[in-house]
Amino acid sequence: MNSRLHTKMIHEGKYMAEVEVSFINTNNDDWSPYLSLDDALKIDKVREALKNDDLSIAKGLAKIYIISEVAA
């Protein structure tokens, strides 16, 4: 079993976050690659924090960006 780092992009409202996670690969499993439970919960926590405008929690877990419209 090995793992590789990956950046997941999460979009919620006017915010976007880059969350670092590890994909777990196994050679004998049809379900590869997959996230650990901790990484899946981390993504959910970031998404919920962005949804509630709680940037103090989100910035501790991910890089946060504000998305703005440039032209209509």
PDB file of N, CA and C in Angstrom:
ATOM      1  N   MET A   1       0.843  -1.170   0.000  1.00  0.00           N
ATOM      2  CA  MET A   1       0.000   0.000   0.000  1.00  0.00           C
ATOM      3  C   MET A   1       0.892   1.238   0.000  1.00  0.00           C
ATOM      4  N   ASN A   2       0.584   2.181  -0.865  1.00  0.00           N
ATOM      5  CA  ASN A   2       1.311   3.442  -0.894  1.00  0.00           C
ATOM      6  C   ASN A   2       0.323   4.596  -1.039  1.00  0.00           C
ATOM      7  N   SER A   3       0.818   5.798  -0.839  1.00  0.00           N
ATOM      8  CA  SER A   3      -0.065   6.958  -0.938  1.00  0.00           C
ATOM      9  C   SER A   3       0.650   8.064  -1.700  1.00  0.00           C
ATOM     10  N   ARG A   4      -0.143   8.977  -2.231  1.00  0.00           N
ATOM     11  CA  ARG A   4       0.407  10.130  -2.924  1.00  0.00           C
ATOM     12  C   ARG A   4      -0.403  11.352  -2.545  1.00  0.00           C
ATOM     13  N   LEU A   5       0.271  12.478  -2.441  1.00  0.00           N
ATOM     14  CA  LEU A   5      -0.393  13.722  -2.081  1.00  0.00           C
ATOM     15  C   LEU A   5      -1.191  14.263  -3.266  1.00  0.00           C
ATOM     16  N   HIS A   6      -2.308  14.874  -2.954  1.00  0.00           N
ATOM     17  CA  HIS A   6      -3.185  15.443  -3.971  1.00  0.00           C
ATOM     18  C   HIS A   6      -3.851  16.684  -3.385  1.00  0.00           C
ATOM     19  N   THR A   7      -4.121  17.658  -4.209  1.00  0.00           N
ATOM     20  CA  THR A   7      -4.821  18.868  -3.775  1.00  0.00           C
ATOM     21  C   THR A   7      -6.250  18.807  -4.282  1.00  0.00           C
ATOM     22  N   LYS A   8      -7.195  18.778  -3.360  1.00  0.00           N
ATOM     23  CA  LYS A   8      -8.620  18.796  -3.713  1.00  0.00           C
ATOM     24  C   LYS A   8      -9.089  20.245  -3.702  1.00  0.00           C
ATOM     25  N   MET A   9      -9.848  20.627  -4.708  1.00  0.00           N
ATOM     26  CA  MET A   9     -10.410  21.965  -4.793  1.00  0.00           C
ATOM     27  C   MET A   9     -11.860  21.899  -4.324  1.00  0.00           C
ATOM     28  N   ILE A  10     -12.177  22.713  -3.328  1.00  0.00           N
ATOM     29  CA  ILE A  10     -13.524  22.756  -2.763  1.00  0.00           C
ATOM     30  C   ILE A  10     -14.099  24.132  -3.056  1.00  0.00           C
ATOM     31  N   HIS A  11     -15.302  24.178  -3.601  1.00  0.00           N
ATOM     32  CA  HIS A  11     -15.965  25.443  -3.895  1.00  0.00           C
ATOM     33  C   HIS A  11     -17.248  25.510  -3.076  1.00  0.00           C
ATOM     34  N   GLU A  12     -17.385  26.588  -2.326  1.00  0.00           N
ATOM     35  CA  GLU A  12     -18.591  26.784  -1.510  1.00  0.00           C
ATOM     36  C   GLU A  12     -18.909  28.275  -1.479  1.00  0.00           C
ATOM     37  N   GLY A  13     -20.015  28.666  -2.112  1.00  0.00           N
ATOM     38  CA  GLY A  13     -20.401  30.072  -2.146  1.00  0.00           C
ATOM     39  C   GLY A  13     -19.360  30.912  -2.846  1.00  0.00           C
ATOM     40  N   LYS A  14     -18.901  31.972  -2.181  1.00  0.00           N
ATOM     41  CA  LYS A  14     -17.900  32.866  -2.778  1.00  0.00           C
ATOM     42  C   LYS A  14     -16.471  32.439  -2.457  1.00  0.00           C
ATOM     43  N   TYR A  15     -16.298  31.296  -1.830  1.00  0.00           N
ATOM     44  CA  TYR A  15     -14.971  30.825  -1.417  1.00  0.00           C
ATOM     45  C   TYR A  15     -14.546  29.581  -2.195  1.00  0.00           C
ATOM     46  N   MET A  16     -13.238  29.431  -2.312  1.00  0.00           N
ATOM     47  CA  MET A  16     -12.643  28.217  -2.848  1.00  0.00           C
ATOM     48  C   MET A  16     -11.498  27.837  -1.917  1.00  0.00           C
ATOM     49  N   ALA A  17     -11.296  26.558  -1.725  1.00  0.00           N
ATOM     50  CA  ALA A  17     -10.227  26.090  -0.841  1.00  0.00           C
ATOM     51  C   ALA A  17      -9.420  25.007  -1.537  1.00  0.00           C
ATOM     52  N   GLU A  18      -8.125  25.004  -1.267  1.00  0.00           N
ATOM     53  CA  GLU A  18      -7.227  23.934  -1.690  1.00  0.00           C
ATOM     54  C   GLU A  18      -6.915  23.097  -0.463  1.00  0.00           C
ATOM     55  N   VAL A  19      -7.370  21.864  -0.455  1.00  0.00           N
ATOM     56  CA  VAL A  19      -7.174  20.969   0.682  1.00  0.00           C
ATOM     57  C   VAL A  19      -6.189  19.882   0.291  1.00  0.00           C
ATOM     58  N   GLU A  20      -5.110  19.761   1.049  1.00  0.00           N
ATOM     59  CA  GLU A  20      -4.115  18.718   0.805  1.00  0.00           C
ATOM     60  C   GLU A  20      -4.591  17.407   1.423  1.00  0.00           C
ATOM     61  N   VAL A  21      -4.676  16.365   0.598  1.00  0.00           N
ATOM     62  CA  VAL A  21      -5.085  15.043   1.060  1.00  0.00           C
ATOM     63  C   VAL A  21      -4.130  14.000   0.485  1.00  0.00           C
ATOM     64  N   SER A  22      -4.201  12.810   1.012  1.00  0.00           N
ATOM     65  CA  SER A  22      -3.407  11.691   0.491  1.00  0.00           C
ATOM     66  C   SER A  22      -4.346  10.661  -0.125  1.00  0.00           C
ATOM     67  N   PHE A  23      -4.061  10.297  -1.371  1.00  0.00           N
ATOM     68  CA  PHE A  23      -4.775   9.195  -1.995  1.00  0.00           C
ATOM     69  C   PHE A  23      -4.043   7.913  -1.642  1.00  0.00           C
ATOM     70  N   ILE A  24      -4.761   6.932  -1.179  1.00  0.00           N
ATOM     71  CA  ILE A  24      -4.182   5.646  -0.798  1.00  0.00           C
ATOM     72  C   ILE A  24      -4.381   4.678  -1.958  1.00  0.00           C
ATOM     73  N   ASN A  25      -3.303   4.068  -2.395  1.00  0.00           N
ATOM     74  CA  ASN A  25      -3.341   3.093  -3.489  1.00  0.00           C
ATOM     75  C   ASN A  25      -2.970   1.721  -2.949  1.00  0.00           C
ATOM     76  N   THR A  26      -3.748   0.742  -3.308  1.00  0.00           N
ATOM     77  CA  THR A  26      -3.395  -0.646  -3.007  1.00  0.00           C
ATOM     78  C   THR A  26      -3.389  -1.409  -4.321  1.00  0.00           C
ATOM     79  N   ASN A  27      -2.508  -2.338  -4.452  1.00  0.00           N
ATOM     80  CA  ASN A  27      -2.367  -3.077  -5.708  1.00  0.00           C
ATOM     81  C   ASN A  27      -3.417  -4.164  -5.871  1.00  0.00           C
ATOM     82  N   ASN A  28      -4.001  -4.607  -4.783  1.00  0.00           N
ATOM     83  CA  ASN A  28      -4.920  -5.739  -4.860  1.00  0.00           C
ATOM     84  C   ASN A  28      -6.371  -5.349  -4.589  1.00  0.00           C
ATOM     85  N   ASP A  29      -6.719  -4.092  -4.809  1.00  0.00           N
ATOM     86  CA  ASP A  29      -8.058  -3.624  -4.450  1.00  0.00           C
ATOM     87  C   ASP A  29      -8.666  -2.869  -5.622  1.00  0.00           C
ATOM     88  N   ASP A  30      -9.877  -3.209  -5.979  1.00  0.00           N
ATOM     89  CA  ASP A  30     -10.569  -2.530  -7.064  1.00  0.00           C
ATOM     90  C   ASP A  30     -11.037  -1.136  -6.675  1.00  0.00           C
ATOM     91  N   TRP A  31     -10.944  -0.767  -5.393  1.00  0.00           N
ATOM     92  CA  TRP A  31     -11.431   0.522  -4.917  1.00  0.00           C
ATOM     93  C   TRP A  31     -10.339   1.592  -4.883  1.00  0.00           C
ATOM     94  N   SER A  32      -9.163   1.297  -5.343  1.00  0.00           N
ATOM     95  CA  SER A  32      -8.060   2.266  -5.321  1.00  0.00           C
ATOM     96  C   SER A  32      -8.229   3.298  -6.422  1.00  0.00           C
ATOM     97  N   PRO A  33      -7.734   4.497  -6.257  1.00  0.00           N
ATOM     98  CA  PRO A  33      -7.275   5.125  -5.020  1.00  0.00           C
ATOM     99  C   PRO A  33      -8.450   5.637  -4.198  1.00  0.00           C
ATOM    100  N   TYR A  34      -8.225   5.795  -2.913  1.00  0.00           N
ATOM    101  CA  TYR A  34      -9.280   6.289  -2.041  1.00  0.00           C
ATOM    102  C   TYR A  34      -8.682   7.167  -0.956  1.00  0.00           C
ATOM    103  N   LEU A  35      -9.545   7.921  -0.276  1.00  0.00           N
ATOM    104  CA  LEU A  35      -9.136   8.804   0.810  1.00  0.00           C
ATOM    105  C   LEU A  35      -9.259   8.089   2.136  1.00  0.00           C
ATOM    106  N   SER A  36      -8.432   8.477   3.077  1.00  0.00           N
ATOM    107  CA  SER A  36      -8.604   7.973   4.440  1.00  0.00           C
ATOM    108  C   SER A  36      -9.827   8.660   5.052  1.00  0.00           C
ATOM    109  N   LEU A  37     -10.340   8.103   6.106  1.00  0.00           N
ATOM    110  CA  LEU A  37     -11.479   8.706   6.792  1.00  0.00           C
ATOM    111  C   LEU A  37     -11.118  10.094   7.311  1.00  0.00           C
ATOM    112  N   ASP A  38      -9.902  10.265   7.827  1.00  0.00           N
ATOM    113  CA  ASP A  38      -9.465  11.569   8.337  1.00  0.00           C
ATOM    114  C   ASP A  38      -9.467  12.635   7.242  1.00  0.00           C
ATOM    115  N   ASP A  39      -8.981  12.280   6.057  1.00  0.00           N
ATOM    116  CA  ASP A  39      -8.966  13.244   4.957  1.00  0.00           C
ATOM    117  C   ASP A  39     -10.374  13.571   4.471  1.00  0.00           C
ATOM    118  N   ALA A  40     -11.248  12.582   4.426  1.00  0.00           N
ATOM    119  CA  ALA A  40     -12.637  12.830   4.031  1.00  0.00           C
ATOM    120  C   ALA A  40     -13.325  13.758   5.037  1.00  0.00           C
ATOM    121  N   LEU A  41     -13.076  13.536   6.320  1.00  0.00           N
ATOM    122  CA  LEU A  41     -13.656  14.409   7.346  1.00  0.00           C
ATOM    123  C   LEU A  41     -13.062  15.811   7.279  1.00  0.00           C
ATOM    124  N   LYS A  42     -11.789  15.907   6.930  1.00  0.00           N
ATOM    125  CA  LYS A  42     -11.128  17.202   6.777  1.00  0.00           C
ATOM    126  C   LYS A  42     -11.801  18.008   5.656  1.00  0.00           C
ATOM    127  N   ILE A  43     -12.068  17.365   4.532  1.00  0.00           N
ATOM    128  CA  ILE A  43     -12.753  18.026   3.420  1.00  0.00           C
ATOM    129  C   ILE A  43     -14.141  18.492   3.849  1.00  0.00           C
ATOM    130  N   ASP A  44     -14.870  17.637   4.552  1.00  0.00           N
ATOM    131  CA  ASP A  44     -16.203  18.014   5.028  1.00  0.00           C
ATOM    132  C   ASP A  44     -16.147  19.187   6.002  1.00  0.00           C
ATOM    133  N   LYS A  45     -15.130  19.201   6.864  1.00  0.00           N
ATOM    134  CA  LYS A  45     -14.994  20.284   7.847  1.00  0.00           C
ATOM    135  C   LYS A  45     -14.683  21.613   7.155  1.00  0.00           C
ATOM    136  N   VAL A  46     -13.823  21.578   6.135  1.00  0.00           N
ATOM    137  CA  VAL A  46     -13.511  22.786   5.379  1.00  0.00           C
ATOM    138  C   VAL A  46     -14.755  23.289   4.655  1.00  0.00           C
ATOM    139  N   ARG A  47     -15.481  22.380   4.013  1.00  0.00           N
ATOM    140  CA  ARG A  47     -16.701  22.769   3.288  1.00  0.00           C
ATOM    141  C   ARG A  47     -17.725  23.396   4.232  1.00  0.00           C
ATOM    142  N   GLU A  48     -17.913  22.811   5.393  1.00  0.00           N
ATOM    143  CA  GLU A  48     -18.877  23.341   6.364  1.00  0.00           C
ATOM    144  C   GLU A  48     -18.421  24.700   6.900  1.00  0.00           C
ATOM    145  N   ALA A  49     -17.121  24.856   7.140  1.00  0.00           N
ATOM    146  CA  ALA A  49     -16.598  26.137   7.628  1.00  0.00           C
ATOM    147  C   ALA A  49     -16.800  27.230   6.586  1.00  0.00           C
ATOM    148  N   LEU A  50     -16.550  26.934   5.323  1.00  0.00           N
ATOM    149  CA  LEU A  50     -16.767  27.919   4.268  1.00  0.00           C
ATOM    150  C   LEU A  50     -18.238  28.270   4.133  1.00  0.00           C
ATOM    151  N   LYS A  51     -19.077  27.283   4.258  1.00  0.00           N
ATOM    152  CA  LYS A  51     -20.526  27.507   4.164  1.00  0.00           C
ATOM    153  C   LYS A  51     -21.008  28.458   5.256  1.00  0.00           C
ATOM    154  N   ASN A  52     -20.389  28.373   6.435  1.00  0.00           N
ATOM    155  CA  ASN A  52     -20.783  29.207   7.577  1.00  0.00           C
ATOM    156  C   ASN A  52     -19.917  30.464   7.722  1.00  0.00           C
ATOM    157  N   ASP A  53     -19.108  30.777   6.704  1.00  0.00           N
ATOM    158  CA  ASP A  53     -18.203  31.939   6.722  1.00  0.00           C
ATOM    159  C   ASP A  53     -17.253  31.913   7.918  1.00  0.00           C
ATOM    160  N   ASP A  54     -16.867  30.740   8.360  1.00  0.00           N
ATOM    161  CA  ASP A  54     -15.948  30.595   9.481  1.00  0.00           C
ATOM    162  C   ASP A  54     -14.535  30.357   8.928  1.00  0.00           C
ATOM    163  N   LEU A  55     -13.911  31.453   8.501  1.00  0.00           N
ATOM    164  CA  LEU A  55     -12.608  31.340   7.845  1.00  0.00           C
ATOM    165  C   LEU A  55     -11.493  30.970   8.808  1.00  0.00           C
ATOM    166  N   SER A  56     -11.660  31.218  10.094  1.00  0.00           N
ATOM    167  CA  SER A  56     -10.608  30.867  11.055  1.00  0.00           C
ATOM    168  C   SER A  56     -10.404  29.355  11.124  1.00  0.00           C
ATOM    169  N   ILE A  57     -11.468  28.600  11.033  1.00  0.00           N
ATOM    170  CA  ILE A  57     -11.340  27.132  11.011  1.00  0.00           C
ATOM    171  C   ILE A  57     -10.806  26.675   9.658  1.00  0.00           C
ATOM    172  N   ALA A  58     -11.368  27.202   8.590  1.00  0.00           N
ATOM    173  CA  ALA A  58     -10.994  26.769   7.240  1.00  0.00           C
ATOM    174  C   ALA A  58      -9.531  27.056   6.936  1.00  0.00           C
ATOM    175  N   LYS A  59      -9.020  28.222   7.361  1.00  0.00           N
ATOM    176  CA  LYS A  59      -7.638  28.565   7.021  1.00  0.00           C
ATOM    177  C   LYS A  59      -6.620  27.694   7.749  1.00  0.00           C
ATOM    178  N   GLY A  60      -7.023  27.056   8.829  1.00  0.00           N
ATOM    179  CA  GLY A  60      -6.134  26.135   9.519  1.00  0.00           C
ATOM    180  C   GLY A  60      -6.011  24.793   8.821  1.00  0.00           C
ATOM    181  N   LEU A  61      -6.940  24.509   7.912  1.00  0.00           N
ATOM    182  CA  LEU A  61      -6.959  23.219   7.230  1.00  0.00           C
ATOM    183  C   LEU A  61      -6.652  23.300   5.739  1.00  0.00           C
ATOM    184  N   ALA A  62      -6.741  24.519   5.169  1.00  0.00           N
ATOM    185  CA  ALA A  62      -6.603  24.649   3.722  1.00  0.00           C
ATOM    186  C   ALA A  62      -6.192  26.064   3.351  1.00  0.00           C
ATOM    187  N   LYS A  63      -5.798  26.238   2.090  1.00  0.00           N
ATOM    188  CA  LYS A  63      -5.596  27.574   1.541  1.00  0.00           C
ATOM    189  C   LYS A  63      -6.957  28.063   1.057  1.00  0.00           C
ATOM    190  N   ILE A  64      -7.310  29.298   1.441  1.00  0.00           N
ATOM    191  CA  ILE A  64      -8.635  29.831   1.138  1.00  0.00           C
ATOM    192  C   ILE A  64      -8.515  30.980   0.139  1.00  0.00           C
ATOM    193  N   TYR A  65      -9.430  31.007  -0.813  1.00  0.00           N
ATOM    194  CA  TYR A  65      -9.494  32.064  -1.815  1.00  0.00           C
ATOM    195  C   TYR A  65     -10.924  32.606  -1.865  1.00  0.00           C
ATOM    196  N   ILE A  66     -11.037  33.899  -2.187  1.00  0.00           N
ATOM    197  CA  ILE A  66     -12.346  34.492  -2.449  1.00  0.00           C
ATOM    198  C   ILE A  66     -12.524  34.580  -3.951  1.00  0.00           C
ATOM    199  N   ILE A  67     -13.646  34.118  -4.426  1.00  0.00           N
ATOM    200  CA  ILE A  67     -13.940  34.137  -5.850  1.00  0.00           C
ATOM    201  C   ILE A  67     -14.795  35.366  -6.126  1.00  0.00           C
ATOM    202  N   SER A  68     -14.398  36.145  -7.123  1.00  0.00           N
ATOM    203  CA  SER A  68     -15.198  37.309  -7.500  1.00  0.00           C
ATOM    204  C   SER A  68     -15.402  37.324  -9.006  1.00  0.00           C
ATOM    205  N   GLU A  69     -16.508  37.857  -9.412  1.00  0.00           N
ATOM    206  CA  GLU A  69     -16.833  37.954 -10.825  1.00  0.00           C
ATOM    207  C   GLU A  69     -16.039  39.096 -11.443  1.00  0.00           C
ATOM    208  N   VAL A  70     -15.417  38.853 -12.566  1.00  0.00           N
ATOM    209  CA  VAL A  70     -14.623  39.867 -13.234  1.00  0.00           C
ATOM    210  C   VAL A  70     -15.484  40.666 -14.213  1.00  0.00           C
ATOM    211  N   ALA A  71     -16.294  39.960 -14.989  1.00  0.00           N
ATOM    212  CA  ALA A  71     -17.173  40.626 -15.941  1.00  0.00           C
ATOM    213  C   ALA A  71     -18.438  39.789 -16.111  1.00  0.00           C
ATOM    214  N   ALA A  72     -19.508  40.474 -16.436  1.00  0.00           N
ATOM    215  CA  ALA A  72     -20.779  39.771 -16.634  1.00  0.00           C
ATOM    216  C   ALA A  72     -21.109  39.666 -18.096  1.00  0.00           C
TER     217      ALA A  72
END
